[in-house]
Amino acid sequence: MKNLFLAFLVFGSTLSGLVQVESGSKFINGTLRFDVLGNSEDTQTAFTFTPTFGYLISDQMALGGTLGVIVQPTGGNDNDLTLFLSPFVRRYFPIADDQFYFFLDGTLSLSFGSSAAGFGEFRSSEDALSISLMASPGFAYFPTERWSLDFTFTGFGLSFFDIGGEGDTITLFTIGATSFSPSLGFSYFF
């Protein structure tokens, strides 16, 4: 039993030195979500698909992007379709050992469609275009060489929408730290 414990201890200590937050590493993550809204008489399904790809340009500094599709029911048989592109930069800061990191994401999001992604209950019957700048803090835990568990807060940001292309612009300032709304996810490094 003692030898088995020592083997696990040695194996576990080598994993922390293998974490992939170094130049040349790549990672993927994303969201695939189905929401069923309504009651037993009137049910609608919303769909979200947002794959993300990142590349570490130097140790602890990543560039990447997210492409997204969101389909939301508007009532009856109609759906809103939103497409978005979100390039980002992420900086990792090691905490305690090589398995725990604090990170800060800077994101520029562009979305277009009949609704705008990430703006709560905003709805428009006309086409909409939105531009957002966000800064979001988070934590990453690497239990193995290839996987990280990411805990991200909304952070703060500035968003602009143009409804119907007629210059009717709405500006939103977001501070997510006051409304504890984190997200939890996994990233795969290769």
Protein backbone atom coordinates (compact mmCIF):
# COMPACT_ATOMS: atom_id res chain seq x y z
CA MET A 1 0.00 0.00 0.00
CA LYS A 2 2.86 2.33 0.86
CA ASN A 3 4.47 1.73 -2.59
CA LEU A 4 1.14 2.45 -4.34
CA PHE A 5 0.82 5.74 -2.44
CA LEU A 6 4.38 6.74 -3.39
CA ALA A 7 3.71 5.88 -7.05
CA PHE A 8 0.61 8.13 -7.08
CA LEU A 9 2.55 10.90 -5.34
CA VAL A 10 5.37 10.78 -7.92
CA PHE A 11 2.89 10.61 -10.83
CA GLY A 12 0.83 13.51 -9.44
CA SER A 13 3.88 15.71 -8.91
CA THR A 14 5.04 15.20 -12.52
CA LEU A 15 1.67 16.30 -13.92
CA SER A 16 2.06 19.83 -12.61
CA GLY A 17 5.23 20.25 -14.70
CA LEU A 18 3.40 19.21 -17.88
CA VAL A 19 0.74 21.91 -17.96
CA GLN A 20 0.26 23.26 -21.49
CA VAL A 21 0.34 27.03 -20.78
CA GLU A 22 3.45 27.48 -22.89
CA SER A 23 4.26 28.91 -26.29
CA GLY A 24 2.95 26.89 -29.22
CA SER A 25 0.18 25.09 -27.32
CA LYS A 26 -3.37 25.19 -28.63
CA PHE A 27 -6.70 24.75 -26.86
CA ILE A 28 -10.36 24.26 -27.70
CA ASN A 29 -13.56 24.66 -25.73
CA GLY A 30 -17.03 25.92 -26.41
CA THR A 31 -20.71 25.73 -25.66
CA LEU A 32 -23.43 23.49 -26.96
CA ARG A 33 -26.72 24.33 -25.29
CA PHE A 34 -30.40 23.52 -25.72
CA ASP A 35 -32.99 25.41 -23.68
CA VAL A 36 -36.59 24.25 -23.53
CA LEU A 37 -38.87 27.18 -22.73
CA GLY A 38 -42.56 27.24 -21.96
CA ASN A 39 -45.10 24.87 -20.48
CA SER A 40 -46.74 21.59 -21.52
CA GLU A 41 -49.04 23.35 -24.02
CA ASP A 42 -46.52 25.70 -25.68
CA THR A 43 -42.88 24.57 -25.74
CA GLN A 44 -40.06 26.31 -27.61
CA THR A 45 -36.43 25.25 -27.93
CA ALA A 46 -33.45 27.62 -28.08
CA PHE A 47 -30.09 26.43 -29.44
CA THR A 48 -26.56 27.81 -28.90
CA PHE A 49 -23.32 26.56 -30.49
CA THR A 50 -20.08 28.47 -29.81
CA PRO A 51 -16.78 26.68 -30.52
CA THR A 52 -13.60 28.43 -29.31
CA PHE A 53 -10.00 27.98 -30.44
CA GLY A 54 -6.92 29.48 -28.77
CA TYR A 55 -3.17 29.52 -29.51
CA LEU A 56 -0.46 30.44 -27.00
CA ILE A 57 1.76 32.94 -28.80
CA SER A 58 4.16 32.98 -25.84
CA ASP A 59 4.30 31.38 -22.41
CA GLN A 60 1.04 32.29 -20.60
CA MET A 61 -0.29 34.56 -23.43
CA ALA A 62 -3.00 33.29 -25.78
CA LEU A 63 -4.85 34.64 -28.81
CA GLY A 64 -7.98 33.05 -30.17
CA GLY A 65 -11.54 33.41 -31.25
CA THR A 66 -15.09 32.16 -30.89
CA LEU A 67 -17.60 31.68 -33.68
CA GLY A 68 -21.19 31.39 -32.56
CA VAL A 69 -24.72 30.64 -33.68
CA ILE A 70 -27.74 31.29 -31.48
CA VAL A 71 -31.27 30.37 -32.49
CA GLN A 72 -33.99 31.69 -30.16
CA PRO A 73 -37.75 31.26 -30.48
CA THR A 74 -39.76 34.49 -30.79
CA GLY A 75 -43.24 32.97 -30.59
CA GLY A 76 -45.24 30.88 -32.97
CA ASN A 77 -42.97 29.22 -35.53
CA ASP A 78 -40.53 32.16 -35.85
CA ASN A 79 -36.93 32.15 -34.63
CA ASP A 80 -34.26 34.80 -34.20
CA LEU A 81 -30.87 33.87 -35.65
CA THR A 82 -27.72 35.53 -34.32
CA LEU A 83 -24.20 34.96 -35.64
CA PHE A 84 -21.15 36.29 -33.84
CA LEU A 85 -17.37 36.43 -33.95
CA SER A 86 -15.34 37.14 -30.82
CA PRO A 87 -11.54 37.38 -31.07
CA PHE A 88 -9.84 37.41 -27.67
CA VAL A 89 -6.53 37.73 -25.88
CA ARG A 90 -5.92 35.83 -22.63
CA ARG A 91 -3.08 36.23 -20.12
CA TYR A 92 -2.44 33.49 -17.56
CA PHE A 93 -0.88 34.29 -14.16
CA PRO A 94 0.38 31.30 -12.12
CA ILE A 95 -0.90 30.90 -8.55
CA ALA A 96 0.84 28.73 -5.93
CA ASP A 97 1.97 25.99 -8.35
CA ASP A 98 1.78 25.11 -12.04
CA GLN A 99 -1.75 23.70 -11.78
CA PHE A 100 -3.62 26.86 -10.68
CA TYR A 101 -3.81 30.01 -12.78
CA PHE A 102 -5.64 33.32 -12.65
CA PHE A 103 -6.44 34.64 -16.14
CA LEU A 104 -7.79 37.80 -17.70
CA ASP A 105 -9.64 37.74 -21.02
CA GLY A 106 -10.01 40.74 -23.29
CA THR A 107 -12.68 40.22 -25.95
CA LEU A 108 -14.01 42.18 -28.93
CA SER A 109 -17.35 40.70 -30.04
CA LEU A 110 -19.21 41.41 -33.26
CA SER A 111 -22.69 39.97 -33.71
CA PHE A 112 -25.41 40.40 -36.27
CA GLY A 113 -28.87 38.99 -36.77
CA SER A 114 -32.36 39.70 -35.56
CA SER A 115 -31.17 39.73 -31.95
CA ALA A 116 -27.79 40.46 -30.38
CA ALA A 117 -25.88 37.85 -28.37
CA GLY A 118 -25.11 38.55 -24.74
CA PHE A 119 -27.52 41.41 -24.09
CA GLY A 120 -30.14 39.85 -21.85
CA GLU A 121 -33.71 40.44 -22.98
CA PHE A 122 -32.90 42.75 -25.93
CA ARG A 123 -35.16 41.84 -28.87
CA SER A 124 -35.71 43.53 -32.18
CA SER A 125 -38.00 42.63 -35.03
CA GLU A 126 -35.46 44.26 -37.35
CA ASP A 127 -31.85 43.35 -38.07
CA ALA A 128 -29.39 44.29 -35.37
CA LEU A 129 -25.63 44.72 -35.24
CA SER A 130 -23.69 44.80 -31.98
CA ILE A 131 -20.11 45.48 -30.97
CA SER A 132 -18.81 44.72 -27.48
CA LEU A 133 -15.55 45.13 -25.60
CA MET A 134 -15.27 42.94 -22.50
CA ALA A 135 -12.66 42.21 -19.83
CA SER A 136 -13.37 39.06 -17.82
CA PRO A 137 -11.32 37.53 -14.99
CA GLY A 138 -11.22 33.82 -14.24
CA PHE A 139 -9.40 30.88 -12.74
CA ALA A 140 -8.06 27.73 -14.43
CA TYR A 141 -7.21 24.49 -12.69
CA PHE A 142 -5.23 21.85 -14.60
CA PRO A 143 -5.99 18.43 -13.06
CA THR A 144 -4.07 16.77 -15.95
CA GLU A 145 -1.63 17.76 -18.68
CA ARG A 146 -4.35 18.27 -21.30
CA TRP A 147 -7.47 19.45 -19.45
CA SER A 148 -8.31 22.61 -17.54
CA LEU A 149 -11.37 23.46 -15.50
CA ASP A 150 -12.18 27.14 -16.16
CA PHE A 151 -14.21 29.35 -13.81
CA THR A 152 -14.95 32.73 -15.45
CA PHE A 153 -16.78 35.83 -14.23
CA THR A 154 -18.72 38.17 -16.52
CA GLY A 155 -16.34 41.05 -15.78
CA PHE A 156 -17.06 44.45 -17.25
CA GLY A 157 -17.58 45.81 -20.71
CA LEU A 158 -19.03 48.30 -23.11
CA SER A 159 -21.56 47.32 -25.80
CA PHE A 160 -23.12 49.15 -28.71
CA PHE A 161 -26.11 48.03 -30.80
CA ASP A 162 -27.47 49.45 -34.02
CA ILE A 163 -31.08 48.44 -34.68
CA GLY A 164 -32.31 48.25 -38.25
CA GLY A 165 -29.32 50.12 -39.68
CA GLU A 166 -31.01 53.50 -39.14
CA GLY A 167 -28.52 54.86 -36.62
CA ASP A 168 -30.68 54.06 -33.56
CA THR A 169 -27.76 53.11 -31.33
CA ILE A 170 -28.11 51.75 -27.79
CA THR A 171 -25.07 51.79 -25.48
CA LEU A 172 -24.73 49.46 -22.47
CA PHE A 173 -22.08 49.40 -19.77
CA THR A 174 -21.83 46.02 -18.03
CA ILE A 175 -20.33 45.23 -14.64
CA GLY A 176 -20.76 41.53 -13.96
CA ALA A 177 -18.85 41.44 -10.69
CA THR A 178 -21.89 42.79 -8.84
CA SER A 179 -24.24 40.06 -10.08
CA PHE A 180 -22.30 36.84 -9.37
CA SER A 181 -22.92 35.09 -12.68
CA PRO A 182 -19.89 32.90 -13.34
CA SER A 183 -19.51 30.22 -15.98
CA LEU A 184 -17.83 26.87 -15.52
CA GLY A 185 -16.26 24.93 -18.38
CA PHE A 186 -13.46 22.70 -19.60
CA SER A 187 -10.67 23.38 -22.09
CA TYR A 188 -8.63 20.77 -23.93
CA PHE A 189 -4.97 21.63 -24.62
CA PHE A 190 -2.92 20.01 -27.38
